[in-house]
Protein backbone atom coordinates (compact mmCIF):
# COMPACT_ATOMS: atom_id res chain seq x y z
CA MET A 1 8.76 -33.29 9.74
CA ALA A 2 7.60 -31.98 13.09
CA LYS A 3 4.96 -29.29 13.18
CA ARG A 4 6.23 -25.77 13.54
CA LYS A 5 3.78 -23.57 15.36
CA ALA A 6 4.24 -19.86 15.60
CA SER A 7 3.91 -17.83 18.75
CA PRO A 8 4.46 -14.18 19.62
CA GLU A 9 5.92 -15.25 22.95
CA LYS A 10 9.60 -14.31 22.88
CA THR A 11 10.72 -16.15 25.99
CA THR A 12 9.32 -19.59 25.23
CA PRO A 13 11.65 -21.73 23.11
CA ILE A 14 9.52 -23.44 20.48
CA LYS A 15 10.40 -24.60 17.03
CA ARG A 16 9.13 -21.98 14.62
CA ARG A 17 8.19 -18.78 16.32
CA ARG A 18 6.11 -16.22 14.58
CA VAL A 19 7.50 -12.88 15.68
CA THR A 20 4.85 -10.21 15.57
CA GLU A 21 7.08 -7.37 16.63
CA GLN A 22 10.81 -7.45 17.09
CA ALA A 23 12.82 -4.25 17.31
CA GLY A 24 16.21 -5.86 16.95
CA PRO A 25 17.65 -9.18 15.82
CA SER A 26 18.59 -11.89 18.25
CA THR A 27 21.64 -14.02 17.52
CA SER A 28 21.49 -16.44 20.42
CA SER A 29 20.51 -20.05 19.94
CA ASP A 30 19.65 -22.97 22.12
CA ALA A 31 19.55 -26.67 21.40
CA HIS A 32 16.25 -28.50 21.73
CA VAL A 33 15.03 -31.94 20.77
CA VAL A 34 11.88 -31.91 18.64
CA GLY A 35 10.45 -35.18 17.42
CA GLY A 36 13.67 -36.97 18.33
CA VAL A 37 15.82 -34.62 16.24
CA LYS A 38 18.02 -31.97 17.82
CA ARG A 39 17.45 -28.59 16.23
CA LYS A 40 18.59 -25.03 16.88
CA VAL A 41 15.95 -22.64 18.06
CA GLN A 42 16.55 -18.93 18.39
CA GLN A 43 15.63 -17.01 21.48
CA ASP A 44 15.47 -13.38 22.43
CA GLU A 45 17.97 -12.98 25.26
CA ALA A 46 16.29 -9.88 26.53
CA GLY A 47 12.91 -11.56 26.75
CA THR A 48 9.70 -9.69 26.11
CA THR A 49 10.28 -5.96 25.95
CA ASN A 50 7.85 -3.19 26.74
CA THR A 51 6.62 -1.39 23.65
CA ALA A 52 4.50 1.67 23.11
CA LYS A 53 0.78 1.02 22.99
CA LYS A 54 0.72 2.23 19.43
CA ARG A 55 3.68 2.53 17.10
CA LYS A 56 4.22 2.81 13.38
CA LEU A 57 4.82 -0.49 11.67
CA LEU A 58 6.31 0.93 8.51
CA GLU A 59 9.53 2.65 9.50
CA HIS A 60 11.11 3.60 6.20
CA VAL A 61 14.82 4.28 6.24
CA SER A 62 14.14 7.02 3.74
CA GLY A 63 11.85 8.68 6.26
CA ASP A 64 8.91 8.57 3.85
CA LYS A 65 5.80 7.82 5.87
CA GLY A 66 3.17 9.15 3.53
CA GLN A 67 -0.32 7.97 4.24
CA ALA A 68 -2.41 6.51 1.47
CA SER A 69 -5.52 8.42 0.53
CA SER A 70 -7.28 5.09 0.19
CA TRP A 71 -6.48 1.70 1.67
CA LEU A 72 -7.10 0.17 -1.75
CA ASP A 73 -4.72 2.57 -3.50
CA THR A 74 -1.57 0.49 -3.34
CA GLY A 75 0.40 2.84 -5.50
CA LYS A 76 0.95 4.87 -2.34
CA ASP A 77 2.39 3.93 1.01
CA CYS A 78 -0.02 3.17 3.82
CA SER A 79 0.12 4.43 7.38
CA ILE A 80 -0.23 1.33 9.51
CA GLU A 81 -0.47 1.08 13.27
CA ILE A 82 -0.17 -1.99 15.43
CA SER A 83 -1.40 -3.09 18.79
CA GLU A 84 1.15 -3.58 21.53
CA SER A 85 1.21 -7.36 21.35
CA CYS A 86 -0.55 -10.54 20.45
CA SER A 87 -1.41 -13.21 22.97
CA LYS A 88 1.58 -14.03 25.13
CA ASN A 89 0.42 -17.50 26.05
CA LYS A 90 -1.18 -19.06 23.00
CA LYS A 91 0.51 -20.65 20.04
CA ALA A 92 -0.69 -19.60 16.62
CA GLY A 93 -2.50 -22.40 14.87
CA LYS A 94 -2.41 -23.39 11.24
CA ARG A 95 -5.50 -23.29 9.12
CA LYS A 96 -5.68 -26.71 7.56
CA ALA A 97 -8.38 -27.90 5.23
CA ALA A 98 -10.26 -30.89 6.55
CA GLY A 99 -12.07 -33.50 4.53
CA ASP A 100 -15.65 -32.73 3.69
CA THR A 101 -18.31 -34.99 2.29
CA ARG A 102 -20.28 -32.15 0.71
CA ASP A 103 -19.95 -31.61 -3.00
CA PRO A 104 -18.77 -28.05 -3.60
CA PRO A 105 -21.16 -26.06 -5.76
CA LYS A 106 -20.17 -24.67 -9.12
CA LYS A 107 -20.92 -21.05 -8.31
CA LYS A 108 -18.78 -19.65 -5.52
CA ASN A 109 -18.78 -15.90 -5.74
CA VAL A 110 -17.65 -13.35 -3.20
CA ASP A 111 -20.56 -11.12 -2.21
CA GLN A 112 -18.85 -7.76 -2.59
CA ASP A 113 -21.92 -5.79 -1.51
CA LYS A 114 -22.02 -7.55 1.86
CA THR A 115 -18.38 -6.71 2.55
CA LYS A 116 -19.10 -3.03 1.99
CA THR A 117 -22.05 -2.82 4.38
CA VAL A 118 -20.30 -4.13 7.51
CA ALA A 119 -19.68 -0.68 8.96
CA LYS A 120 -23.32 0.33 8.44
CA LYS A 121 -24.82 -2.48 10.51
CA SER A 122 -24.97 -2.90 14.27
CA VAL A 123 -23.13 -5.73 16.01
CA ALA A 124 -26.44 -7.47 16.71
CA GLU A 125 -27.43 -7.28 13.05
CA GLN A 126 -24.08 -8.65 11.93
CA LYS A 127 -24.30 -11.56 14.37
CA ARG A 128 -27.77 -12.39 13.06
CA ASP A 129 -26.52 -12.22 9.47
CA PHE A 130 -23.61 -14.53 10.26
CA GLN A 131 -25.81 -17.10 11.99
CA ALA A 132 -28.31 -16.99 9.13
CA ARG A 133 -25.64 -17.63 6.49
CA TYR A 134 -23.07 -19.96 8.03
CA VAL A 135 -22.73 -23.02 10.24
CA GLU A 136 -19.56 -23.18 12.32
CA GLU A 137 -18.14 -26.63 13.05
CA HIS A 138 -14.92 -28.02 14.53
CA ARG A 139 -11.80 -26.04 15.29
CA LEU A 140 -9.04 -26.22 12.67
CA GLY A 141 -6.39 -24.36 14.61
CA GLU A 142 -5.79 -21.81 17.34
CA GLY A 143 -3.00 -19.31 17.72
CA GLY A 144 -1.85 -16.11 19.29
CA CYS A 145 -3.87 -14.21 16.72
CA GLY A 146 -7.13 -16.07 17.12
CA ALA A 147 -8.78 -19.33 16.13
CA VAL A 148 -9.97 -20.85 12.86
CA PHE A 149 -12.98 -23.16 12.53
CA ALA A 150 -14.33 -25.31 9.74
CA GLY A 151 -17.83 -24.53 8.57
CA TYR A 152 -20.08 -24.23 5.56
CA ARG A 153 -22.33 -21.70 3.86
CA ILE A 154 -25.96 -22.62 4.42
CA LYS A 155 -27.38 -21.70 1.02
CA ASP A 156 -25.09 -23.95 -1.01
CA HIS A 157 -23.02 -25.96 1.53
CA LEU A 158 -19.79 -24.36 0.35
CA PRO A 159 -16.97 -25.39 2.76
CA VAL A 160 -15.56 -22.33 4.53
CA ALA A 161 -12.93 -21.48 7.11
CA ILE A 162 -14.12 -19.08 9.81
CA LYS A 163 -11.41 -17.05 11.49
CA HIS A 164 -12.07 -15.34 14.84
CA ILE A 165 -9.67 -12.46 15.57
CA PRO A 166 -9.99 -10.64 18.92
CA LYS A 167 -9.75 -6.89 18.39
CA GLY A 168 -6.75 -6.71 20.72
CA LYS A 169 -4.87 -9.07 18.42
CA VAL A 170 -5.31 -7.15 15.19
CA TYR A 171 -1.71 -6.12 14.60
CA CYS A 172 -1.90 -4.00 11.48
CA LYS A 173 -4.50 -1.44 10.54
CA VAL A 174 -5.07 1.02 7.71
CA LYS A 175 -7.62 3.79 7.34
CA ASP A 176 -10.45 3.23 4.90
CA ASP A 177 -12.06 5.89 2.71
CA ASN A 178 -14.14 7.06 5.69
CA GLY A 179 -11.11 7.46 7.96
CA LYS A 180 -11.97 4.38 10.01
CA ASN A 181 -9.24 1.92 11.02
CA VAL A 182 -9.59 -1.40 9.22
CA SER A 183 -7.60 -4.59 9.67
CA VAL A 184 -4.89 -4.81 7.01
CA GLU A 185 -5.66 -8.51 6.65
CA VAL A 186 -9.25 -7.63 5.72
CA ALA A 187 -8.18 -4.76 3.45
CA ILE A 188 -5.68 -6.88 1.54
CA MET A 189 -8.01 -9.85 1.14
CA LEU A 190 -10.84 -7.58 -0.03
CA LYS A 191 -8.52 -6.01 -2.59
CA LEU A 192 -7.43 -9.41 -3.89
CA ALA A 193 -11.05 -10.61 -4.03
CA ALA A 194 -12.15 -7.48 -5.90
CA GLU A 195 -9.39 -7.87 -8.47
CA ALA A 196 -10.39 -11.50 -8.98
CA ASP A 197 -13.86 -10.22 -9.97
CA GLY A 198 -15.39 -11.91 -6.94
CA SER A 199 -14.68 -15.39 -8.25
CA VAL A 200 -13.44 -17.95 -5.74
CA GLU A 201 -10.69 -20.44 -6.59
CA THR A 202 -9.25 -18.39 -9.45
CA SER A 203 -6.12 -17.14 -7.67
CA ALA A 204 -3.45 -18.52 -5.37
CA PRO A 205 -4.44 -16.50 -2.28
CA VAL A 206 -7.42 -18.07 -0.53
CA SER A 207 -10.44 -15.82 -1.05
CA LEU A 208 -12.23 -13.81 1.62
CA LEU A 209 -15.95 -14.38 1.12
CA GLU A 210 -17.31 -12.08 3.81
CA TRP A 211 -16.34 -10.49 7.09
CA PHE A 212 -18.17 -9.30 10.20
CA ASP A 213 -17.39 -6.96 13.07
CA PHE A 214 -18.71 -8.44 16.31
CA GLY A 215 -17.48 -5.57 18.45
CA ARG A 216 -14.79 -7.41 20.39
CA GLU A 217 -13.68 -9.59 17.52
CA LEU A 218 -13.55 -9.74 13.74
CA ILE A 219 -14.95 -12.72 11.87
CA LEU A 220 -13.38 -13.58 8.52
CA VAL A 221 -15.19 -16.12 6.36
CA MET A 222 -12.87 -17.60 3.74
CA GLU A 223 -13.03 -20.35 1.19
CA ARG A 224 -11.79 -23.72 2.42
CA PRO A 225 -10.28 -25.83 -0.36
CA VAL A 226 -11.26 -29.48 -0.03
CA PRO A 227 -9.36 -31.75 -0.12
CA ALA A 228 -6.21 -29.93 0.92
CA VAL A 229 -3.44 -29.98 3.51
CA ASP A 230 -0.76 -27.48 4.37
CA LEU A 231 2.64 -27.97 2.75
CA ASP A 232 4.15 -29.10 6.05
CA LYS A 233 1.64 -31.97 6.24
CA TYR A 234 2.01 -32.67 2.52
CA ILE A 235 5.77 -33.11 2.94
CA GLU A 236 5.20 -35.36 5.95
CA GLU A 237 2.74 -37.51 4.01
CA ASN A 238 5.32 -37.91 1.25
CA GLY A 239 7.95 -39.40 3.53
CA GLY A 240 9.43 -36.29 5.15
CA PHE A 241 10.75 -34.69 1.97
CA LEU A 242 9.75 -34.31 -1.67
CA PRO A 243 11.51 -35.59 -4.76
CA GLU A 244 12.88 -32.77 -6.86
CA ASP A 245 10.21 -33.02 -9.57
CA LYS A 246 7.37 -32.62 -7.03
CA ALA A 247 9.14 -29.74 -5.31
CA LYS A 248 9.52 -28.02 -8.67
CA VAL A 249 5.76 -28.15 -9.35
CA ILE A 250 5.08 -26.45 -6.02
CA LEU A 251 7.88 -23.87 -6.24
CA LYS A 252 6.87 -22.78 -9.73
CA GLN A 253 3.35 -22.00 -8.53
CA LEU A 254 4.65 -20.40 -5.33
CA VAL A 255 7.01 -18.06 -7.17
CA ASP A 256 4.19 -17.05 -9.53
CA ALA A 257 1.90 -16.39 -6.56
CA ALA A 258 4.55 -14.33 -4.77
CA LYS A 259 5.17 -12.30 -7.93
CA HIS A 260 1.44 -11.65 -8.24
CA LEU A 261 1.35 -10.27 -4.69
CA GLU A 262 4.42 -8.15 -5.36
CA ASP A 263 2.78 -6.69 -8.47
CA LYS A 264 -0.20 -5.73 -6.29
CA HIS A 265 2.18 -4.05 -3.78
CA ILE A 266 1.38 -6.65 -1.12
CA PHE A 267 4.07 -8.01 1.21
CA HIS A 268 2.92 -11.24 2.88
CA ARG A 269 5.95 -11.34 5.21
CA ASP A 270 5.35 -14.87 6.51
CA ILE A 271 5.47 -17.26 3.56
CA LYS A 272 6.36 -20.68 4.94
CA SER A 273 5.16 -24.27 4.65
CA GLU A 274 2.43 -23.81 7.29
CA ASN A 275 0.96 -20.88 5.33
CA ILE A 276 0.83 -22.75 2.03
CA LEU A 277 -2.10 -25.04 1.29
CA ILE A 278 -1.76 -27.82 -1.25
CA GLU A 279 -4.97 -28.85 -2.98
CA THR A 280 -4.78 -32.58 -3.59
CA GLY A 281 -7.96 -33.23 -5.54
CA SER A 282 -6.25 -33.53 -8.93
CA ASP A 283 -3.16 -35.14 -10.44
CA VAL A 284 -1.23 -31.87 -10.17
CA PRO A 285 -1.13 -30.35 -6.66
CA ARG A 286 -2.27 -26.73 -6.54
CA VAL A 287 -0.70 -24.08 -4.30
CA ARG A 288 -2.84 -21.69 -2.24
CA ILE A 289 -1.56 -18.92 0.05
CA ILE A 290 -3.16 -18.37 3.46
CA ASP A 291 -2.78 -16.19 6.58
CA PHE A 292 -2.34 -12.54 5.66
CA GLY A 293 -2.37 -11.52 9.33
CA LEU A 294 1.13 -9.98 9.20
CA SER A 295 0.95 -8.67 5.66
CA CYS A 296 1.04 -5.04 4.57
CA PHE A 297 0.76 -2.79 1.56
CA VAL A 298 4.23 -1.84 0.44
CA LYS A 299 5.86 1.03 -1.38
CA GLU A 300 8.67 0.19 -3.78
CA GLN A 301 12.11 0.16 -2.11
CA SER A 302 10.60 0.58 1.36
CA GLN A 303 12.80 -0.74 4.15
CA TYR A 304 11.42 -2.14 7.38
CA ARG A 305 13.06 -1.84 10.77
CA VAL A 306 10.53 -3.83 12.80
CA PHE A 307 10.49 -7.53 11.98
CA TYR A 308 7.22 -9.33 11.38
CA GLY A 309 7.27 -12.99 10.46
CA THR A 310 8.83 -16.20 11.76
CA GLU A 311 12.12 -15.47 13.48
CA ILE A 312 14.08 -18.57 12.48
CA TYR A 313 13.44 -17.70 8.83
CA SER A 314 14.63 -14.08 9.13
CA PRO A 315 16.77 -13.00 6.15
CA PRO A 316 20.49 -12.44 6.88
CA GLU A 317 20.18 -8.68 6.40
CA TRP A 318 17.92 -8.52 9.44
CA TYR A 319 20.83 -9.74 11.56
CA GLY A 320 23.49 -7.68 9.83
CA ARG A 321 21.60 -4.43 9.18
CA SER A 322 18.44 -4.60 11.32
CA CYS A 323 16.31 -3.89 8.27
CA TYR A 324 14.82 -5.78 5.33
CA ARG A 325 12.92 -5.22 2.09
CA CYS A 326 9.93 -6.89 0.48
CA GLY A 327 11.48 -8.35 -2.68
CA PRO A 328 14.71 -9.84 -1.30
CA THR A 329 12.93 -11.16 1.80
CA THR A 330 10.28 -12.93 -0.27
CA VAL A 331 12.97 -14.49 -2.47
CA TRP A 332 14.73 -15.69 0.69
CA GLN A 333 11.46 -17.29 1.80
CA MET A 334 11.26 -19.13 -1.54
CA GLY A 335 14.63 -20.67 -0.70
CA VAL A 336 13.53 -21.60 2.81
CA VAL A 337 10.41 -23.36 1.52
CA LEU A 338 12.41 -25.22 -1.13
CA TYR A 339 15.06 -26.29 1.36
CA GLU A 340 12.45 -27.76 3.71
CA ALA A 341 10.64 -29.44 0.83
CA LEU A 342 13.81 -31.20 -0.30
CA HIS A 343 15.37 -32.04 3.07
CA ALA A 344 14.14 -34.06 6.05
CA GLY A 345 14.74 -31.24 8.48
CA ASP A 346 13.96 -27.65 9.31
CA PHE A 347 15.65 -24.53 8.06
CA ASN A 348 17.18 -22.07 10.50
CA THR A 349 18.86 -18.88 9.33
CA THR A 350 21.48 -18.72 12.08
CA SER A 351 22.41 -22.35 11.51
CA PHE A 352 22.63 -21.69 7.78
CA LEU A 353 24.88 -18.67 8.29
CA LYS A 354 27.13 -20.76 10.53
CA LYS A 355 27.26 -23.42 7.78
CA ARG A 356 25.57 -26.02 9.95
CA LEU A 357 22.97 -26.92 7.33
CA LYS A 358 23.92 -29.30 4.55
CA PHE A 359 22.39 -29.58 1.10
CA LYS A 360 21.65 -32.92 -0.51
CA ARG A 361 24.43 -34.14 -2.74
CA HIS A 362 22.21 -35.51 -5.47
CA LEU A 363 20.25 -32.36 -6.36
CA SER A 364 20.39 -31.47 -10.03
CA LYS A 365 22.73 -28.65 -11.01
CA ASN A 366 19.82 -26.36 -11.92
CA CYS A 367 17.97 -27.07 -8.67
CA ARG A 368 21.06 -26.39 -6.59
CA ASP A 369 21.66 -23.17 -8.52
CA PHE A 370 18.08 -22.06 -7.85
CA LEU A 371 18.41 -22.84 -4.15
CA ASP A 372 21.78 -21.08 -3.87
CA ALA A 373 20.37 -18.02 -5.63
CA CYS A 374 17.40 -17.72 -3.26
CA LEU A 375 19.62 -18.18 -0.20
CA THR A 376 22.25 -15.65 -1.27
CA LYS A 377 23.39 -13.87 1.88
CA VAL A 378 23.66 -10.38 0.34
CA PRO A 379 20.16 -9.13 -0.54
CA GLU A 380 21.36 -6.88 -3.36
CA THR A 381 22.72 -9.90 -5.24
CA ARG A 382 19.67 -12.12 -4.76
CA PRO A 383 17.59 -12.55 -7.91
CA THR A 384 14.20 -10.90 -8.20
CA LEU A 385 10.99 -12.90 -8.26
CA GLU A 386 10.73 -12.20 -11.97
CA GLU A 387 14.22 -13.59 -12.51
CA LEU A 388 13.24 -16.69 -10.54
CA GLN A 389 10.26 -17.17 -12.84
CA HIS A 390 12.67 -17.43 -15.77
CA HIS A 391 15.21 -19.62 -14.01
CA THR A 392 16.24 -22.72 -15.96
CA TRP A 393 15.12 -25.05 -13.18
CA LEU A 394 11.49 -23.90 -13.38
CA ARG A 395 11.22 -24.17 -17.15
């Protein structure tokens, strides 16, 4: 399976584009050959459009734009603003875990106190703290939103991933308790870390260990599971597609992880094979979720009229109604991931809607039923994540 890199650039035809802001759906397609296989790739006919320097990301159809009193109070809706654009010329990289000869230590706790003192320290102090605590090594990936490097924590040689995000490429922001704008990616990962009691490796989302504000860029230090590869690479290493029993192990964990995020009122918005790490250090592969750069806090039944995610995976309702919701969209993404795990080819929503994608003939009845349910065209008739958890195929 060829690599699918995301890019905010709307005029460059690449395989899997990550759309950071799209005000209306595009239905055009163009044929391209990737890795010797012809595939359909969507393009925006209008090209890159001019947008306001600041605009609201959450545009609820109901008109409810209430601002949360706290960015950790997910029972309320959050007022989120975005920058005009991400990089127009760089492709977003994938954070992949590299091999590491160091033995990971037993104690791997998130230092919650350090995450709370970022705003109180000067840039110079934060840079000194970072250099005193971490060693940055080779680049793991680079994208329109920044670059990710391998590294380790000096005191215990814990493998880490270090993400550099230029301030101009921080799409989503929320206000903290002091009224200061904070990256939603940081806010969400801090919330998840806090609810995991600061313990690393206990939940599906990869943990944020610490973050720094260097003035012109944010530095996120996250755990780096070793050994691990992203799901795209995992599928490739298994011959281009997975047998049904292996796909089931991964989908069961993925659905549980997505339901956990939904229960915490978190909408990832870009769940795909490149944003799923598979830990391979045991007999049973373990699923981890990465890249919360396009995520947001969500209010129940909120509808979104600006698309954030990877365009070729857009749910059908985005094309038919120009809006989408958290639950049905996430269920659609479960179907996309399963399709690509089972088939030696890429999913594309427009091709699927035009009945150009074929399912394997020898899938079990329960597997095919699960896949059909996730890829139901009408969002109101798609199952919920909770219903997927109880589906016969995953039992």
